Amino acid sequence: MRTTRIAPSVVLLLTIMAVSAATVQAQSERDRSQLRTVHGSVMDHSDNPIPNGVVYLLNKKTHTVRTYIADSQGHYQFSGLDPNVDFEIHAEYKHHKSSRRTISSFDDRRDIEINLTIATD
C-alpha cells in the first residue's frame, strides 16, 4: 500500500481557499441583509388610491428602469435595492404624472415609504 503525503504548501493553500470562500459568503449574506425596500401608494389629490398607476424606478447609476403596476389599493413595492445607489421614482396614470422623488444613497433607512400623488383633474 502506498501512502501519499500532502505537501504543507498544498494544505496551506486549501486552508486559505476555504477561509476566503467563507468570508465571501458571509459578505454576500451581509450585503443581502443591507438591501433596501421602497414602497408606498399612488393617490390622487384627495388621497384616493389610483389602481393600475404605473410606478417607475430609475437606477441613477446604470440608468435602468424598473416598473410596478399599483394594485387595487394603489400600493406598490420595489425590493432588493442597492443601498449604494441613488434612485429616482415617479408614477404615471392616463397621461398624468406625479412629481419625481429622489432616494439618496446617503439615506440609511432600509425600509422607505414614498407616497406618490398624481393630479388626475
Protein backbone atom coordinates (compact mmCIF):
# COMPACT_ATOMS: atom_id res chain seq x y z
CA MET A 1 0.00 0.00 0.00
CA ARG A 2 1.38 3.35 -0.98
CA THR A 3 0.97 6.39 1.29
CA THR A 4 0.60 9.79 -0.32
CA ARG A 5 1.90 12.82 1.53
CA ILE A 6 0.34 16.18 1.00
CA ALA A 7 2.86 18.96 0.92
CA PRO A 8 2.41 21.61 3.64
CA SER A 9 2.06 24.29 0.96
CA VAL A 10 -0.94 22.45 -0.54
CA VAL A 11 -2.58 22.22 2.89
CA LEU A 12 -1.96 25.93 3.44
CA LEU A 13 -3.41 26.77 0.02
CA LEU A 14 -6.54 24.70 0.67
CA THR A 15 -6.99 26.35 4.07
CA ILE A 16 -6.67 29.84 2.57
CA MET A 17 -9.18 28.96 -0.15
CA ALA A 18 -11.70 27.64 2.42
CA VAL A 19 -11.36 30.73 4.62
CA SER A 20 -11.69 33.02 1.58
CA ALA A 21 -14.83 31.24 0.41
CA ALA A 22 -16.40 31.53 3.87
CA THR A 23 -15.51 35.24 4.01
CA VAL A 24 -17.03 35.92 0.58
CA GLN A 25 -20.21 34.05 1.54
CA ALA A 26 -20.51 35.98 4.83
CA GLN A 27 -20.00 39.28 2.97
CA SER A 28 -22.63 38.30 0.41
CA GLU A 29 -25.15 37.47 3.15
CA ARG A 30 -24.35 40.76 4.93
CA ASP A 31 -24.83 42.68 1.65
CA ARG A 32 -28.21 41.00 1.09
CA SER A 33 -29.35 41.99 4.57
CA GLN A 34 -28.48 45.62 3.75
CA LEU A 35 -30.67 45.79 0.62
CA ARG A 36 -33.49 48.32 0.65
CA THR A 37 -37.21 48.22 0.00
CA VAL A 38 -39.21 51.19 -1.30
CA HIS A 39 -42.99 51.05 -1.05
CA GLY A 40 -45.99 53.31 -0.86
CA SER A 41 -49.23 54.27 -2.57
CA VAL A 42 -50.24 56.02 -5.75
CA MET A 43 -53.00 58.51 -4.93
CA ASP A 44 -54.92 61.45 -6.35
CA HIS A 45 -55.02 64.89 -4.66
CA SER A 46 -57.96 63.76 -2.50
CA ASP A 47 -55.89 60.82 -1.16
CA ASN A 48 -57.95 58.27 -3.11
CA PRO A 49 -55.91 55.30 -4.31
CA ILE A 50 -55.19 55.04 -8.02
CA PRO A 51 -55.29 51.37 -9.01
CA ASN A 52 -53.14 50.43 -12.00
CA GLY A 53 -50.96 53.52 -11.75
CA VAL A 54 -47.52 52.73 -13.14
CA VAL A 55 -44.58 53.46 -10.85
CA TYR A 56 -41.17 54.00 -12.47
CA LEU A 57 -37.93 53.47 -10.52
CA LEU A 58 -34.77 54.76 -12.24
CA ASN A 59 -31.37 53.48 -11.10
CA LYS A 60 -29.22 56.62 -11.43
CA LYS A 61 -26.02 54.58 -11.74
CA THR A 62 -26.99 52.15 -14.51
CA HIS A 63 -29.94 54.15 -15.94
CA THR A 64 -32.10 51.02 -15.87
CA VAL A 65 -35.79 51.46 -15.12
CA ARG A 66 -37.99 49.06 -13.17
CA THR A 67 -41.76 49.41 -13.26
CA TYR A 68 -44.55 48.28 -10.98
CA ILE A 69 -48.30 48.45 -11.63
CA ALA A 70 -50.07 49.52 -8.44
CA ASP A 71 -52.58 47.03 -7.03
CA SER A 72 -56.29 47.68 -6.47
CA GLN A 73 -55.50 49.77 -3.36
CA GLY A 74 -52.84 51.79 -5.20
CA HIS A 75 -49.93 50.07 -3.40
CA TYR A 76 -46.55 49.39 -4.97
CA GLN A 77 -43.24 47.91 -3.76
CA PHE A 78 -39.67 47.55 -5.03
CA SER A 79 -37.37 45.21 -3.08
CA GLY A 80 -33.71 44.26 -3.27
CA LEU A 81 -32.42 47.77 -3.96
CA ASP A 82 -28.70 48.50 -3.63
CA PRO A 83 -28.15 50.93 -0.73
CA ASN A 84 -25.11 52.43 -2.51
CA VAL A 85 -27.12 53.72 -5.48
CA ASP A 86 -29.36 56.76 -5.89
CA PHE A 87 -32.81 56.17 -7.39
CA GLU A 88 -35.50 58.39 -8.84
CA ILE A 89 -39.16 57.42 -8.57
CA HIS A 90 -42.42 58.73 -10.03
CA ALA A 91 -45.86 57.46 -11.04
CA GLU A 92 -47.99 57.88 -14.14
CA TYR A 93 -51.66 57.29 -14.86
CA LYS A 94 -53.56 58.18 -18.05
CA HIS A 95 -51.02 60.76 -19.26
CA HIS A 96 -50.73 62.39 -15.80
CA LYS A 97 -47.55 62.22 -13.73
CA SER A 98 -46.53 62.65 -10.11
CA SER A 99 -43.53 64.71 -9.17
CA ARG A 100 -40.18 62.93 -9.26
CA ARG A 101 -38.68 61.95 -5.91
CA THR A 102 -35.06 61.02 -5.22
CA ILE A 103 -33.94 58.16 -2.98
CA SER A 104 -30.43 59.02 -1.90
CA SER A 105 -27.65 56.56 -1.12
CA PHE A 106 -26.94 58.77 1.91
CA ASP A 107 -30.34 57.83 3.36
CA ASP A 108 -29.52 54.86 5.60
CA ARG A 109 -33.12 53.60 6.01
CA ARG A 110 -33.68 50.06 4.73
CA ASP A 111 -37.46 50.44 4.50
CA ILE A 112 -38.55 53.62 2.74
CA GLU A 113 -42.16 54.71 2.25
CA ILE A 114 -42.91 57.17 -0.53
CA ASN A 115 -46.49 58.05 -1.47
CA LEU A 116 -46.87 59.45 -4.98
CA THR A 117 -49.65 61.91 -5.78
CA ILE A 118 -50.96 62.32 -9.33
CA ALA A 119 -53.14 65.24 -10.43
CA THR A 120 -55.88 63.48 -12.43
CA ASP A 121 -58.06 66.57 -12.97
